[in-house]
């Protein structure tokens, strides 16, 4: 069972940032500045923080319990927000746990902090892998029990449900029923082996497809990666740049882009490039004009 790494946690926060900046009514996350992130911290403080987030605030801003947190944030060196901005935009990585956790708070990523995300991820993984197996075993046991009782009844009473003297006929009928029902139940087992439930996804061409998880490519940072299905990421599609596209709606981007091998590739949603792992950026009028994307 693969343990969720801190790198995966950071990648998930960046994906959440790409989603949040499009939905952020304040506009702060769309193109944040250090001063704006400080203001966002104050806004979240006013809405009240969880105990965990409050402890994180005091660690990041280096505030003791008896010192007023709001006043400290207002006078805080905003230059210390720059690494967080670089991290969220994918411009520069960060291994500083406190900065990463504050970034998670600012983009409202859940579950947080990392230890909770790790626990939740392992719990989900256990549920996905172990619970179906237990349920399947119980189902087979119940089916076998019902089959045994049915065969026993037919052997004793016959197909009409009445006890009679024709034992040979009853036994033959019971044997026939046993074979038929065994083949019936076996069909479900064979179906599960030949056509396993697809609970993972893989990038293929211009979209994700559902695939079987039983593959040694499961992991992070590989081409044609197979990962557990995420319904939000599953919706990501690469757009045909040769077709006429609507790039904006109410001044908000509808298209995201990333340069791959010198070519600008367009996508229908924020996130990360499925092959390179680079963050997708919201389209701009400058990019549309520079690369003649408007048909």
C-alpha atoms as a PDB file:
ATOM      1  CA  UNK A   1       0.000   0.000   0.000  1.00  0.00           C
ATOM      2  CA  UNK A   2       1.576   3.286  -1.094  1.00  0.00           C
ATOM      3  CA  UNK A   3       1.972   5.951   1.552  1.00  0.00           C
ATOM      4  CA  UNK A   4       0.835   9.416   0.552  1.00  0.00           C
ATOM      5  CA  UNK A   5       3.931  11.613   0.339  1.00  0.00           C
ATOM      6  CA  UNK A   6       4.300  15.273   1.240  1.00  0.00           C
ATOM      7  CA  UNK A   7       4.949  15.979  -2.445  1.00  0.00           C
ATOM      8  CA  UNK A   8       1.496  14.611  -3.296  1.00  0.00           C
ATOM      9  CA  UNK A   9       0.001  16.807  -0.578  1.00  0.00           C
ATOM     10  CA  UNK A  10       1.702  19.874  -2.085  1.00  0.00           C
ATOM     11  CA  UNK A  11       0.489  18.953  -5.581  1.00  0.00           C
ATOM     12  CA  UNK A  12      -3.076  18.620  -4.292  1.00  0.00           C
ATOM     13  CA  UNK A  13      -2.860  22.100  -2.722  1.00  0.00           C
ATOM     14  CA  UNK A  14      -1.691  23.574  -6.036  1.00  0.00           C
ATOM     15  CA  UNK A  15      -4.606  21.946  -7.871  1.00  0.00           C
ATOM     16  CA  UNK A  16      -7.002  23.388  -5.279  1.00  0.00           C
ATOM     17  CA  UNK A  17      -5.414  26.820  -5.832  1.00  0.00           C
ATOM     18  CA  UNK A  18      -6.107  26.643  -9.561  1.00  0.00           C
ATOM     19  CA  UNK A  19      -9.746  25.866  -8.821  1.00  0.00           C
ATOM     20  CA  UNK A  20     -10.125  28.400  -5.995  1.00  0.00           C
ATOM     21  CA  UNK A  21      -8.694  31.365  -7.869  1.00  0.00           C
ATOM     22  CA  UNK A  22     -11.439  31.082 -10.486  1.00  0.00           C
ATOM     23  CA  UNK A  23     -14.165  30.991  -7.823  1.00  0.00           C
ATOM     24  CA  UNK A  24     -12.642  33.585  -5.482  1.00  0.00           C
ATOM     25  CA  UNK A  25     -15.089  36.526  -5.366  1.00  0.00           C
ATOM     26  CA  UNK A  26     -12.464  38.768  -3.773  1.00  0.00           C
ATOM     27  CA  UNK A  27     -10.130  38.308  -6.757  1.00  0.00           C
ATOM     28  CA  UNK A  28      -7.143  38.008  -4.422  1.00  0.00           C
ATOM     29  CA  UNK A  29      -6.123  34.523  -5.515  1.00  0.00           C
ATOM     30  CA  UNK A  30      -6.300  35.265  -9.229  1.00  0.00           C
ATOM     31  CA  UNK A  31      -3.003  37.135  -9.138  1.00  0.00           C
ATOM     32  CA  UNK A  32      -2.018  37.490  -5.474  1.00  0.00           C
ATOM     33  CA  UNK A  33       0.486  39.964  -4.089  1.00  0.00           C
ATOM     34  CA  UNK A  34       2.162  39.693  -0.670  1.00  0.00           C
ATOM     35  CA  UNK A  35      -0.042  42.485   0.696  1.00  0.00           C
ATOM     36  CA  UNK A  36      -3.167  40.765  -0.607  1.00  0.00           C
ATOM     37  CA  UNK A  37      -2.238  37.463   1.037  1.00  0.00           C
ATOM     38  CA  UNK A  38      -1.763  39.302   4.333  1.00  0.00           C
ATOM     39  CA  UNK A  39      -5.250  40.790   3.891  1.00  0.00           C
ATOM     40  CA  UNK A  40      -6.629  37.346   3.087  1.00  0.00           C
ATOM     41  CA  UNK A  41      -5.116  36.052   6.325  1.00  0.00           C
ATOM     42  CA  UNK A  42      -6.918  38.840   8.193  1.00  0.00           C
ATOM     43  CA  UNK A  43     -10.194  38.041   6.418  1.00  0.00           C
ATOM     44  CA  UNK A  44      -9.963  34.390   7.460  1.00  0.00           C
ATOM     45  CA  UNK A  45      -9.077  35.455  10.990  1.00  0.00           C
ATOM     46  CA  UNK A  46     -12.245  37.575  11.141  1.00  0.00           C
ATOM     47  CA  UNK A  47     -14.347  34.590  10.055  1.00  0.00           C
ATOM     48  CA  UNK A  48     -12.812  32.620  12.961  1.00  0.00           C
ATOM     49  CA  UNK A  49     -10.233  29.873  12.609  1.00  0.00           C
ATOM     50  CA  UNK A  50     -10.235  26.263  13.721  1.00  0.00           C
ATOM     51  CA  UNK A  51      -7.940  25.466  16.628  1.00  0.00           C
ATOM     52  CA  UNK A  52      -5.499  23.805  14.230  1.00  0.00           C
ATOM     53  CA  UNK A  53      -5.469  26.772  11.832  1.00  0.00           C
ATOM     54  CA  UNK A  54      -5.128  29.150  14.793  1.00  0.00           C
ATOM     55  CA  UNK A  55      -2.070  27.258  16.031  1.00  0.00           C
ATOM     56  CA  UNK A  56      -0.609  27.391  12.533  1.00  0.00           C
ATOM     57  CA  UNK A  57      -1.169  31.159  12.374  1.00  0.00           C
ATOM     58  CA  UNK A  58       0.732  31.645  15.624  1.00  0.00           C
ATOM     59  CA  UNK A  59       3.604  29.486  14.383  1.00  0.00           C
ATOM     60  CA  UNK A  60       3.880  31.216  10.996  1.00  0.00           C
ATOM     61  CA  UNK A  61       3.508  34.749  12.361  1.00  0.00           C
ATOM     62  CA  UNK A  62       5.595  33.839  15.436  1.00  0.00           C
ATOM     63  CA  UNK A  63       2.973  35.029  17.886  1.00  0.00           C
ATOM     64  CA  UNK A  64       2.741  33.971  21.529  1.00  0.00           C
ATOM     65  CA  UNK A  65      -0.612  33.181  23.129  1.00  0.00           C
ATOM     66  CA  UNK A  66      -0.765  36.434  25.098  1.00  0.00           C
ATOM     67  CA  UNK A  67       0.026  38.633  22.065  1.00  0.00           C
ATOM     68  CA  UNK A  68      -2.750  40.017  19.832  1.00  0.00           C
ATOM     69  CA  UNK A  69      -2.717  38.019  16.598  1.00  0.00           C
ATOM     70  CA  UNK A  70      -4.493  40.578  14.404  1.00  0.00           C
ATOM     71  CA  UNK A  71      -2.104  43.364  15.305  1.00  0.00           C
ATOM     72  CA  UNK A  72       0.896  41.117  14.596  1.00  0.00           C
ATOM     73  CA  UNK A  73      -0.453  40.181  11.152  1.00  0.00           C
ATOM     74  CA  UNK A  74      -1.119  43.835  10.300  1.00  0.00           C
ATOM     75  CA  UNK A  75       2.518  44.688  11.067  1.00  0.00           C
ATOM     76  CA  UNK A  76       3.965  41.510   9.568  1.00  0.00           C
ATOM     77  CA  UNK A  77       6.744  41.594   6.953  1.00  0.00           C
ATOM     78  CA  UNK A  78       4.723  40.935   3.777  1.00  0.00           C
ATOM     79  CA  UNK A  79       7.895  39.857   1.968  1.00  0.00           C
ATOM     80  CA  UNK A  80       7.576  36.507   3.730  1.00  0.00           C
ATOM     81  CA  UNK A  81       4.461  35.791   1.653  1.00  0.00           C
ATOM     82  CA  UNK A  82       6.466  35.757  -1.593  1.00  0.00           C
ATOM     83  CA  UNK A  83       7.616  32.104  -1.264  1.00  0.00           C
ATOM     84  CA  UNK A  84       3.977  31.084  -0.761  1.00  0.00           C
ATOM     85  CA  UNK A  85       2.954  32.880  -3.948  1.00  0.00           C
ATOM     86  CA  UNK A  86       5.804  31.242  -5.878  1.00  0.00           C
ATOM     87  CA  UNK A  87       4.747  27.852  -4.519  1.00  0.00           C
ATOM     88  CA  UNK A  88       1.075  28.258  -5.446  1.00  0.00           C
ATOM     89  CA  UNK A  89       1.922  29.435  -8.957  1.00  0.00           C
ATOM     90  CA  UNK A  90       4.340  26.561  -9.442  1.00  0.00           C
ATOM     91  CA  UNK A  91       7.227  28.943 -10.061  1.00  0.00           C
ATOM     92  CA  UNK A  92       9.344  27.662  -7.199  1.00  0.00           C
ATOM     93  CA  UNK A  93       8.905  24.668  -4.938  1.00  0.00           C
ATOM     94  CA  UNK A  94       8.986  24.903  -1.167  1.00  0.00           C
ATOM     95  CA  UNK A  95       9.847  22.337   1.459  1.00  0.00           C
ATOM     96  CA  UNK A  96       8.907  24.591   4.373  1.00  0.00           C
ATOM     97  CA  UNK A  97       6.002  22.797   6.134  1.00  0.00           C
ATOM     98  CA  UNK A  98       4.561  25.911   7.784  1.00  0.00           C
ATOM     99  CA  UNK A  99       4.415  27.795   4.471  1.00  0.00           C
ATOM    100  CA  UNK A 100       2.737  24.826   2.800  1.00  0.00           C
ATOM    101  CA  UNK A 101       0.163  24.541   5.573  1.00  0.00           C
ATOM    102  CA  UNK A 102      -0.620  28.262   5.422  1.00  0.00           C
ATOM    103  CA  UNK A 103      -1.054  27.943   1.650  1.00  0.00           C
ATOM    104  CA  UNK A 104      -3.561  25.143   2.335  1.00  0.00           C
ATOM    105  CA  UNK A 105      -5.493  27.464   4.654  1.00  0.00           C
ATOM    106  CA  UNK A 106      -5.495  30.344   2.156  1.00  0.00           C
ATOM    107  CA  UNK A 107      -6.909  28.224  -0.692  1.00  0.00           C
ATOM    108  CA  UNK A 108      -9.229  26.388   1.728  1.00  0.00           C
ATOM    109  CA  UNK A 109      -7.778  22.971   0.929  1.00  0.00           C
ATOM    110  CA  UNK A 110      -9.226  20.043   2.850  1.00  0.00           C
ATOM    111  CA  UNK A 111      -8.398  17.784   4.552  1.00  0.00           C
ATOM    112  CA  UNK A 112      -5.572  19.700   6.225  1.00  0.00           C
ATOM    113  CA  UNK A 113      -2.960  19.718   7.750  1.00  0.00           C
ATOM    114  CA  UNK A 114      -0.751  17.055   6.198  1.00  0.00           C
ATOM    115  CA  UNK A 115      -1.125  14.519   9.011  1.00  0.00           C
ATOM    116  CA  UNK A 116      -4.925  14.685   8.626  1.00  0.00           C
ATOM    117  CA  UNK A 117      -4.618  14.429   4.837  1.00  0.00           C
ATOM    118  CA  UNK A 118      -2.327  11.431   5.257  1.00  0.00           C
ATOM    119  CA  UNK A 119      -4.733   9.727   7.646  1.00  0.00           C
ATOM    120  CA  UNK A 120      -7.729  10.465   5.424  1.00  0.00           C
ATOM    121  CA  UNK A 121      -5.914   9.236   2.322  1.00  0.00           C
ATOM    122  CA  UNK A 122      -4.855   5.968   3.927  1.00  0.00           C
ATOM    123  CA  UNK A 123      -8.356   5.502   5.299  1.00  0.00           C
ATOM    124  CA  UNK A 124      -9.862   5.945   1.856  1.00  0.00           C
ATOM    125  CA  UNK A 125      -7.308   3.596   0.382  1.00  0.00           C
ATOM    126  CA  UNK A 126      -8.163   0.953   2.968  1.00  0.00           C
ATOM    127  CA  UNK A 127     -11.847   1.366   2.255  1.00  0.00           C
ATOM    128  CA  UNK A 128     -11.302   1.035  -1.475  1.00  0.00           C
ATOM    129  CA  UNK A 129      -9.146  -2.060  -1.244  1.00  0.00           C
ATOM    130  CA  UNK A 130     -10.341  -4.020   1.769  1.00  0.00           C
ATOM    131  CA  UNK A 131     -14.041  -3.302   2.223  1.00  0.00           C
ATOM    132  CA  UNK A 132     -15.161  -4.643  -1.186  1.00  0.00           C
ATOM    133  CA  UNK A 133     -13.213  -7.854  -0.549  1.00  0.00           C
ATOM    134  CA  UNK A 134     -14.990  -8.403   2.755  1.00  0.00           C
ATOM    135  CA  UNK A 135     -18.365  -7.671   1.203  1.00  0.00           C
ATOM    136  CA  UNK A 136     -17.619  -9.994  -1.703  1.00  0.00           C
ATOM    137  CA  UNK A 137     -16.667 -12.829   0.670  1.00  0.00           C
ATOM    138  CA  UNK A 138     -19.881 -12.360   2.637  1.00  0.00           C
ATOM    139  CA  UNK A 139     -21.886 -12.336  -0.592  1.00  0.00           C
ATOM    140  CA  UNK A 140     -20.317 -15.610  -1.770  1.00  0.00           C
ATOM    141  CA  UNK A 141     -20.899 -17.224   1.623  1.00  0.00           C
ATOM    142  CA  UNK A 142     -24.562 -16.206   1.584  1.00  0.00           C
ATOM    143  CA  UNK A 143     -24.987 -17.483  -1.964  1.00  0.00           C
ATOM    144  CA  UNK A 144     -23.407 -20.838  -1.088  1.00  0.00           C
ATOM    145  CA  UNK A 145     -25.643 -21.147   1.986  1.00  0.00           C
ATOM    146  CA  UNK A 146     -28.796 -20.456  -0.040  1.00  0.00           C
ATOM    147  CA  UNK A 147     -27.670 -22.851  -2.761  1.00  0.00           C
ATOM    148  CA  UNK A 148     -27.068 -25.640  -0.235  1.00  0.00           C
ATOM    149  CA  UNK A 149     -30.464 -25.181   1.397  1.00  0.00           C
ATOM    150  CA  UNK A 150     -32.224 -25.135  -1.965  1.00  0.00           C
ATOM    151  CA  UNK A 151     -30.508 -28.334  -3.164  1.00  0.00           C
ATOM    152  CA  UNK A 152     -31.287 -30.066   0.128  1.00  0.00           C
ATOM    153  CA  UNK A 153     -34.948 -29.122  -0.127  1.00  0.00           C
ATOM    154  CA  UNK A 154     -35.254 -30.311  -3.747  1.00  0.00           C
ATOM    155  CA  UNK A 155     -33.523 -33.624  -2.955  1.00  0.00           C
ATOM    156  CA  UNK A 156     -35.964 -34.330  -0.121  1.00  0.00           C
ATOM    157  CA  UNK A 157     -39.254 -32.988  -1.449  1.00  0.00           C
ATOM    158  CA  UNK A 158     -38.848 -32.841  -5.230  1.00  0.00           C
ATOM    159  CA  UNK A 159     -39.521 -29.885  -7.469  1.00  0.00           C
ATOM    160  CA  UNK A 160     -43.199 -29.631  -6.467  1.00  0.00           C
ATOM    161  CA  UNK A 161     -42.312 -29.109  -2.804  1.00  0.00           C
ATOM    162  CA  UNK A 162     -44.051 -32.329  -1.682  1.00  0.00           C
ATOM    163  CA  UNK A 163     -42.243 -35.255  -0.104  1.00  0.00           C
ATOM    164  CA  UNK A 164     -42.534 -38.362  -2.279  1.00  0.00           C
ATOM    165  CA  UNK A 165     -41.108 -41.816  -2.922  1.00  0.00           C
ATOM    166  CA  UNK A 166     -39.303 -41.053  -6.142  1.00  0.00           C
ATOM    167  CA  UNK A 167     -35.861 -40.443  -4.551  1.00  0.00           C
ATOM    168  CA  UNK A 168     -33.920 -40.941  -7.795  1.00  0.00           C
ATOM    169  CA  UNK A 169     -35.911 -38.237  -9.596  1.00  0.00           C
ATOM    170  CA  UNK A 170     -35.439 -35.855  -6.681  1.00  0.00           C
ATOM    171  CA  UNK A 171     -31.693 -36.419  -6.567  1.00  0.00           C
ATOM    172  CA  UNK A 172     -31.335 -35.969 -10.339  1.00  0.00           C
ATOM    173  CA  UNK A 173     -33.347 -32.767 -10.190  1.00  0.00           C
ATOM    174  CA  UNK A 174     -31.268 -31.524  -7.281  1.00  0.00           C
ATOM    175  CA  UNK A 175     -28.053 -32.287  -9.139  1.00  0.00           C
ATOM    176  CA  UNK A 176     -29.319 -30.454 -12.229  1.00  0.00           C
ATOM    177  CA  UNK A 177     -30.302 -27.414 -10.146  1.00  0.00           C
ATOM    178  CA  UNK A 178     -26.929 -27.450  -8.405  1.00  0.00           C
ATOM    179  CA  UNK A 179     -25.094 -27.370 -11.726  1.00  0.00           C
ATOM    180  CA  UNK A 180     -27.275 -24.561 -13.129  1.00  0.00           C
ATOM    181  CA  UNK A 181     -27.037 -22.408 -10.008  1.00  0.00           C
ATOM    182  CA  UNK A 182     -23.299 -23.030  -9.686  1.00  0.00           C
ATOM    183  CA  UNK A 183     -22.798 -21.840 -13.257  1.00  0.00           C
ATOM    184  CA  UNK A 184     -24.993 -18.824 -12.520  1.00  0.00           C
ATOM    185  CA  UNK A 185     -22.990 -17.770  -9.487  1.00  0.00           C
ATOM    186  CA  UNK A 186     -19.725 -18.631 -11.243  1.00  0.00           C
ATOM    187  CA  UNK A 187     -20.687 -16.185 -13.972  1.00  0.00           C
ATOM    188  CA  UNK A 188     -20.480 -13.306 -11.521  1.00  0.00           C
ATOM    189  CA  UNK A 189     -17.069 -14.474 -10.316  1.00  0.00           C
ATOM    190  CA  UNK A 190     -15.703 -14.789 -13.868  1.00  0.00           C
ATOM    191  CA  UNK A 191     -17.158 -11.402 -14.747  1.00  0.00           C
ATOM    192  CA  UNK A 192     -15.327  -9.857 -11.801  1.00  0.00           C
ATOM    193  CA  UNK A 193     -12.041 -11.390 -12.972  1.00  0.00           C
ATOM    194  CA  UNK A 194     -12.356 -10.677 -16.707  1.00  0.00           C
ATOM    195  CA  UNK A 195     -14.094  -7.317 -16.339  1.00  0.00           C
ATOM    196  CA  UNK A 196     -12.859  -5.804 -13.058  1.00  0.00           C
ATOM    197  CA  UNK A 197     -14.438  -2.616 -11.758  1.00  0.00           C
ATOM    198  CA  UNK A 198     -12.447   0.338 -13.021  1.00  0.00           C
ATOM    199  CA  UNK A 199     -11.559   2.550 -10.064  1.00  0.00           C
ATOM    200  CA  UNK A 200      -8.488   4.280 -11.512  1.00  0.00           C
ATOM    201  CA  UNK A 201      -7.880   6.666 -14.413  1.00  0.00           C
ATOM    202  CA  UNK A 202      -5.201   7.217 -17.027  1.00  0.00           C
ATOM    203  CA  UNK A 203      -4.561   9.978 -19.544  1.00  0.00           C
ATOM    204  CA  UNK A 204      -5.137   8.855 -23.113  1.00  0.00           C
ATOM    205  CA  UNK A 205      -4.666  11.291 -25.961  1.00  0.00           C
ATOM    206  CA  UNK A 206      -6.820  14.251 -24.947  1.00  0.00           C
ATOM    207  CA  UNK A 207      -8.832  12.975 -21.961  1.00  0.00           C
ATOM    208  CA  UNK A 208      -8.817  10.642 -18.984  1.00  0.00           C
ATOM    209  CA  UNK A 209     -10.277   7.151 -19.182  1.00  0.00           C
ATOM    210  CA  UNK A 210     -11.284   4.764 -16.397  1.00  0.00           C
ATOM    211  CA  UNK A 211      -8.899   1.806 -16.086  1.00  0.00           C
ATOM    212  CA  UNK A 212      -8.191  -1.128 -13.805  1.00  0.00           C
ATOM    213  CA  UNK A 213      -6.054  -0.187 -10.808  1.00  0.00           C
ATOM    214  CA  UNK A 214      -4.083  -3.453 -10.981  1.00  0.00           C
ATOM    215  CA  UNK A 215      -1.074  -1.948 -12.709  1.00  0.00           C
ATOM    216  CA  UNK A 216       2.499  -1.394 -11.552  1.00  0.00           C
ATOM    217  CA  UNK A 217       2.464   2.158 -12.930  1.00  0.00           C
ATOM    218  CA  UNK A 218       0.370   3.370 -10.003  1.00  0.00           C
ATOM    219  CA  UNK A 219       2.269   6.278  -8.453  1.00  0.00           C
ATOM    220  CA  UNK A 220       3.337   9.867  -8.952  1.00  0.00           C
ATOM    221  CA  UNK A 221       5.517  11.544 -11.562  1.00  0.00           C
ATOM    222  CA  UNK A 222       5.282   9.064 -14.430  1.00  0.00           C
ATOM    223  CA  UNK A 223       4.059   9.392 -17.976  1.00  0.00           C
ATOM    224  CA  UNK A 224       0.749   7.677 -18.746  1.00  0.00           C
ATOM    225  CA  UNK A 225       0.201   7.593 -15.006  1.00  0.00           C
ATOM    226  CA  UNK A 226      -2.504   5.409 -13.506  1.00  0.00           C
ATOM    227  CA  UNK A 227      -4.010   6.989 -10.384  1.00  0.00           C
ATOM    228  CA  UNK A 228      -7.206   6.556  -8.323  1.00  0.00           C
ATOM    229  CA  UNK A 229     -10.189   8.210  -9.974  1.00  0.00           C
ATOM    230  CA  UNK A 230     -10.825  11.836  -9.029  1.00  0.00           C
ATOM    231  CA  UNK A 231     -14.119  13.025 -10.504  1.00  0.00           C
ATOM    232  CA  UNK A 232     -12.907  16.631 -10.790  1.00  0.00           C
ATOM    233  CA  UNK A 233      -9.635  15.776 -12.538  1.00  0.00           C
ATOM    234  CA  UNK A 234     -11.469  13.218 -14.682  1.00  0.00           C
ATOM    235  CA  UNK A 235     -13.293  16.109 -16.372  1.00  0.00           C
ATOM    236  CA  UNK A 236     -10.040  17.573 -17.730  1.00  0.00           C
ATOM    237  CA  UNK A 237      -9.864  17.580 -21.537  1.00  0.00           C
ATOM    238  CA  UNK A 238      -7.312  18.912 -23.987  1.00  0.00           C
ATOM    239  CA  UNK A 239      -9.006  21.266 -26.429  1.00  0.00           C
ATOM    240  CA  UNK A 240      -8.538  21.329 -30.175  1.00  0.00           C
ATOM    241  CA  UNK A 241      -6.672  24.577 -30.839  1.00  0.00           C
ATOM    242  CA  UNK A 242      -7.728  24.429 -34.497  1.00  0.00           C
ATOM    243  CA  UNK A 243     -11.373  24.916 -33.568  1.00  0.00           C
ATOM    244  CA  UNK A 244     -13.091  28.150 -32.606  1.00  0.00           C
ATOM    245  CA  UNK A 245     -13.080  28.443 -28.823  1.00  0.00           C
ATOM    246  CA  UNK A 246     -14.717  30.709 -26.267  1.00  0.00           C
ATOM    247  CA  UNK A 247     -11.896  31.885 -24.032  1.00  0.00           C
ATOM    248  CA  UNK A 248     -13.771  34.064 -21.523  1.00  0.00           C
ATOM    249  CA  UNK A 249     -17.159  34.411 -19.875  1.00  0.00           C
ATOM    250  CA  UNK A 250     -17.911  37.496 -17.791  1.00  0.00           C
ATOM    251  CA  UNK A 251     -14.183  38.294 -17.967  1.00  0.00           C
ATOM    252  CA  UNK A 252     -13.315  34.943 -16.349  1.00  0.00           C
ATOM    253  CA  UNK A 253     -11.148  32.390 -18.213  1.00  0.00           C
ATOM    254  CA  UNK A 254     -12.779  29.299 -19.683  1.00  0.00           C
ATOM    255  CA  UNK A 255      -9.500  27.938 -21.050  1.00  0.00           C
ATOM    256  CA  UNK A 256      -6.189  27.069 -19.382  1.00  0.00           C
ATOM    257  CA  UNK A 257      -2.882  26.510 -21.125  1.00  0.00           C
ATOM    258  CA  UNK A 258       0.584  25.046 -20.779  1.00  0.00           C
ATOM    259  CA  UNK A 259       3.573  25.001 -23.141  1.00  0.00           C
ATOM    260  CA  UNK A 260       4.703  21.483 -24.000  1.00  0.00           C
ATOM    261  CA  UNK A 261       7.645  20.946 -26.359  1.00  0.00           C
ATOM    262  CA  UNK A 262       7.291  24.551 -27.530  1.00  0.00           C
ATOM    263  CA  UNK A 263       3.595  24.149 -28.344  1.00  0.00           C
ATOM    264  CA  UNK A 264       0.792  25.868 -26.423  1.00  0.00           C
ATOM    265  CA  UNK A 265      -1.737  23.222 -25.377  1.00  0.00           C
ATOM    266  CA  UNK A 266      -5.214  24.271 -24.258  1.00  0.00           C
ATOM    267  CA  UNK A 267      -7.422  22.648 -21.615  1.00  0.00           C
ATOM    268  CA  UNK A 268     -10.984  23.098 -20.418  1.00  0.00           C
ATOM    269  CA  UNK A 269     -10.223  23.313 -16.677  1.00  0.00           C
ATOM    270  CA  UNK A 270      -7.505  24.293 -14.191  1.00  0.00           C
ATOM    271  CA  UNK A 271      -5.130  21.709 -12.787  1.00  0.00           C
ATOM    272  CA  UNK A 272      -1.868  20.157 -13.956  1.00  0.00           C
ATOM    273  CA  UNK A 273      -0.657  19.007 -17.345  1.00  0.00           C
ATOM    274  CA  UNK A 274      -1.406  15.256 -17.368  1.00  0.00           C
ATOM    275  CA  UNK A 275       1.941  14.379 -18.985  1.00  0.00           C
ATOM    276  CA  UNK A 276       4.432  16.899 -17.608  1.00  0.00           C
ATOM    277  CA  UNK A 277       2.830  17.714 -14.249  1.00  0.00           C
ATOM    278  CA  UNK A 278       3.264  21.458 -14.851  1.00  0.00           C
ATOM    279  CA  UNK A 279       0.450  23.696 -13.515  1.00  0.00           C
ATOM    280  CA  UNK A 280      -2.050  24.917 -16.105  1.00  0.00           C
ATOM    281  CA  UNK A 281      -2.342  28.697 -16.323  1.00  0.00           C
ATOM    282  CA  UNK A 282      -5.504  30.684 -17.094  1.00  0.00           C
ATOM    283  CA  UNK A 283      -5.549  32.003 -20.637  1.00  0.00           C
ATOM    284  CA  UNK A 284      -4.823  35.694 -21.224  1.00  0.00           C
ATOM    285  CA  UNK A 285      -5.487  38.029 -24.122  1.00  0.00           C
ATOM    286  CA  UNK A 286      -1.735  38.393 -24.508  1.00  0.00           C
ATOM    287  CA  UNK A 287      -1.274  34.639 -25.035  1.00  0.00           C
ATOM    288  CA  UNK A 288      -4.208  34.478 -27.443  1.00  0.00           C
ATOM    289  CA  UNK A 289      -2.715  37.232 -29.577  1.00  0.00           C
ATOM    290  CA  UNK A 290       0.916  36.043 -29.332  1.00  0.00           C
ATOM    291  CA  UNK A 291       0.143  32.491 -30.463  1.00  0.00           C
ATOM    292  CA  UNK A 292      -2.777  33.372 -32.766  1.00  0.00           C
ATOM    293  CA  UNK A 293      -5.197  31.189 -30.833  1.00  0.00           C
ATOM    294  CA  UNK A 294      -8.303  33.118 -31.843  1.00  0.00           C
ATOM    295  CA  UNK A 295      -9.782  31.491 -34.948  1.00  0.00           C
END
